[in-house]
Amino acid sequence: EHFSHLVRTNELCQTYADACVKLCQELDVKVVNLFTAFQQRENWMTDCFTDGVHLSAEGSKIVVAEILKVLKEAEWKPSLHWKSMPTEFAEDSPYDIVGADGKTTLNPSEWTFHREIQWD
């Protein structure tokens, strides 16, 4: 009696998403609008979700792309975009990989190939 039947429609989700975006803009907070990102797909329900709730692989890629877009566009200092972040643990460690000569070590923080990964 005190609780009404839960109604979820695409229209209500859009109203909620729009209100969240508006609030974030008023507070000058960066926002990731996943509703709009998903809706750009013609078959968004089957492309982005496995069961209407849980993300599919494609849905997860959209989430990553939208988060990275916001991080890249944000003018935060320091930047939280993955290519701008410094490598952690740059100091040598006893857990570093031992080189082919059996004496020197290879510090993974010095590797740069990961900077070439195309995330965005």
Protein backbone atom coordinates (compact mmCIF):
# COMPACT_ATOMS: atom_id res chain seq x y z
CA GLU A 1 0.00 0.00 0.00
CA HIS A 2 2.85 2.40 0.82
CA PHE A 3 4.98 1.41 -2.12
CA SER A 4 3.86 1.84 -5.68
CA HIS A 5 4.69 -0.59 -8.47
CA LEU A 6 8.14 0.12 -9.90
CA VAL A 7 7.82 1.51 -13.41
CA ARG A 8 10.89 1.78 -15.60
CA THR A 9 10.55 3.20 -19.07
CA ASN A 10 13.04 4.65 -21.49
CA GLU A 11 11.30 8.02 -21.17
CA LEU A 12 11.62 8.02 -17.37
CA CYS A 13 15.28 7.00 -17.64
CA GLN A 14 15.89 9.91 -20.01
CA THR A 15 14.17 12.33 -17.62
CA TYR A 16 16.37 11.06 -14.79
CA ALA A 17 19.55 11.22 -16.91
CA ASP A 18 18.72 14.75 -18.06
CA ALA A 19 18.16 15.84 -14.45
CA CYS A 20 21.52 14.34 -13.44
CA VAL A 21 23.32 16.11 -16.29
CA LYS A 22 21.61 19.42 -15.43
CA LEU A 23 22.56 19.09 -11.76
CA CYS A 24 26.19 18.34 -12.63
CA GLN A 25 26.31 21.37 -14.94
CA GLU A 26 24.86 23.60 -12.21
CA LEU A 27 27.47 22.31 -9.75
CA ASP A 28 30.24 22.56 -12.36
CA VAL A 29 30.94 18.84 -12.02
CA LYS A 30 32.01 16.71 -14.97
CA VAL A 31 29.42 14.15 -15.98
CA VAL A 32 29.39 10.98 -18.05
CA ASN A 33 26.03 10.71 -19.82
CA LEU A 34 25.72 7.01 -20.51
CA PHE A 35 22.04 7.24 -21.35
CA THR A 36 22.73 9.40 -24.40
CA ALA A 37 25.78 7.35 -25.37
CA PHE A 38 23.80 4.11 -25.34
CA GLN A 39 20.81 5.62 -27.13
CA GLN A 40 23.00 6.54 -30.11
CA ARG A 41 23.06 2.84 -31.01
CA GLU A 42 20.12 1.67 -33.12
CA ASN A 43 19.87 -1.63 -31.22
CA TRP A 44 21.12 -0.25 -27.92
CA MET A 45 19.21 -2.70 -25.73
CA THR A 46 20.73 -5.80 -27.32
CA ASP A 47 24.07 -4.23 -28.29
CA CYS A 48 24.86 -2.63 -24.92
CA PHE A 49 23.27 -5.06 -22.46
CA THR A 50 23.22 -8.82 -22.03
CA ASP A 51 19.92 -8.91 -20.15
CA GLY A 52 18.66 -5.34 -19.97
CA VAL A 53 20.68 -4.64 -16.82
CA HIS A 54 24.24 -5.96 -17.18
CA LEU A 55 26.62 -4.49 -19.73
CA SER A 56 27.75 -6.46 -22.74
CA ALA A 57 31.31 -6.19 -24.05
CA GLU A 58 30.14 -3.46 -26.44
CA GLY A 59 28.35 -1.64 -23.61
CA SER A 60 31.53 -1.77 -21.53
CA LYS A 61 33.51 -0.28 -24.42
CA ILE A 62 31.04 2.60 -24.61
CA VAL A 63 31.40 3.22 -20.86
CA VAL A 64 35.20 3.28 -21.15
CA ALA A 65 35.08 5.60 -24.17
CA GLU A 66 32.73 8.03 -22.43
CA ILE A 67 34.78 8.09 -19.22
CA LEU A 68 38.01 8.62 -21.16
CA LYS A 69 36.40 11.41 -23.16
CA VAL A 70 35.45 13.27 -19.99
CA LEU A 71 38.88 12.69 -18.42
CA LYS A 72 40.63 13.93 -21.55
CA GLU A 73 38.48 17.06 -21.86
CA ALA A 74 38.63 17.95 -18.16
CA GLU A 75 41.13 20.65 -17.33
CA TRP A 76 42.12 19.11 -14.02
CA LYS A 77 45.57 19.50 -12.54
CA PRO A 78 46.93 16.90 -12.45
CA SER A 79 45.08 15.34 -15.34
CA LEU A 80 43.49 11.97 -14.61
CA HIS A 81 43.64 10.86 -18.24
CA TRP A 82 45.71 7.69 -18.34
CA LYS A 83 48.28 9.02 -20.84
CA SER A 84 48.98 12.03 -18.64
CA MET A 85 49.46 10.18 -15.38
CA PRO A 86 52.99 9.51 -14.18
CA THR A 87 54.17 5.95 -13.86
CA GLU A 88 54.02 4.77 -10.28
CA PHE A 89 56.76 2.93 -8.50
CA ALA A 90 59.55 4.14 -10.77
CA GLU A 91 62.18 3.24 -8.17
CA ASP A 92 63.97 -0.07 -8.50
CA SER A 93 62.44 -2.96 -6.61
CA PRO A 94 63.66 -6.41 -5.57
CA TYR A 95 60.57 -7.69 -7.40
CA ASP A 96 61.67 -6.34 -10.80
CA ILE A 97 62.28 -8.85 -13.57
CA VAL A 98 65.84 -10.17 -13.76
CA GLY A 99 67.51 -9.45 -17.09
CA ALA A 100 69.02 -12.03 -19.45
CA ASP A 101 72.48 -11.49 -17.95
CA GLY A 102 71.18 -12.66 -14.55
CA LYS A 103 72.44 -9.50 -12.84
CA THR A 104 70.55 -6.45 -14.02
CA THR A 105 66.84 -5.95 -13.51
CA LEU A 106 64.15 -4.65 -15.82
CA ASN A 107 61.86 -2.07 -14.24
CA PRO A 108 58.39 -2.35 -15.85
CA SER A 109 57.70 1.31 -15.05
CA GLU A 110 60.26 2.24 -17.70
CA TRP A 111 58.43 0.38 -20.45
CA THR A 112 56.64 2.65 -22.89
CA PHE A 113 54.78 0.25 -25.18
CA HIS A 114 51.60 0.67 -23.11
CA ARG A 115 51.51 4.34 -24.14
CA GLU A 116 50.77 3.19 -27.68
CA ILE A 117 47.57 1.34 -26.72
CA GLN A 118 44.58 2.85 -28.49
CA TRP A 119 42.01 3.36 -25.74
CA ASP A 120 40.71 6.59 -27.14
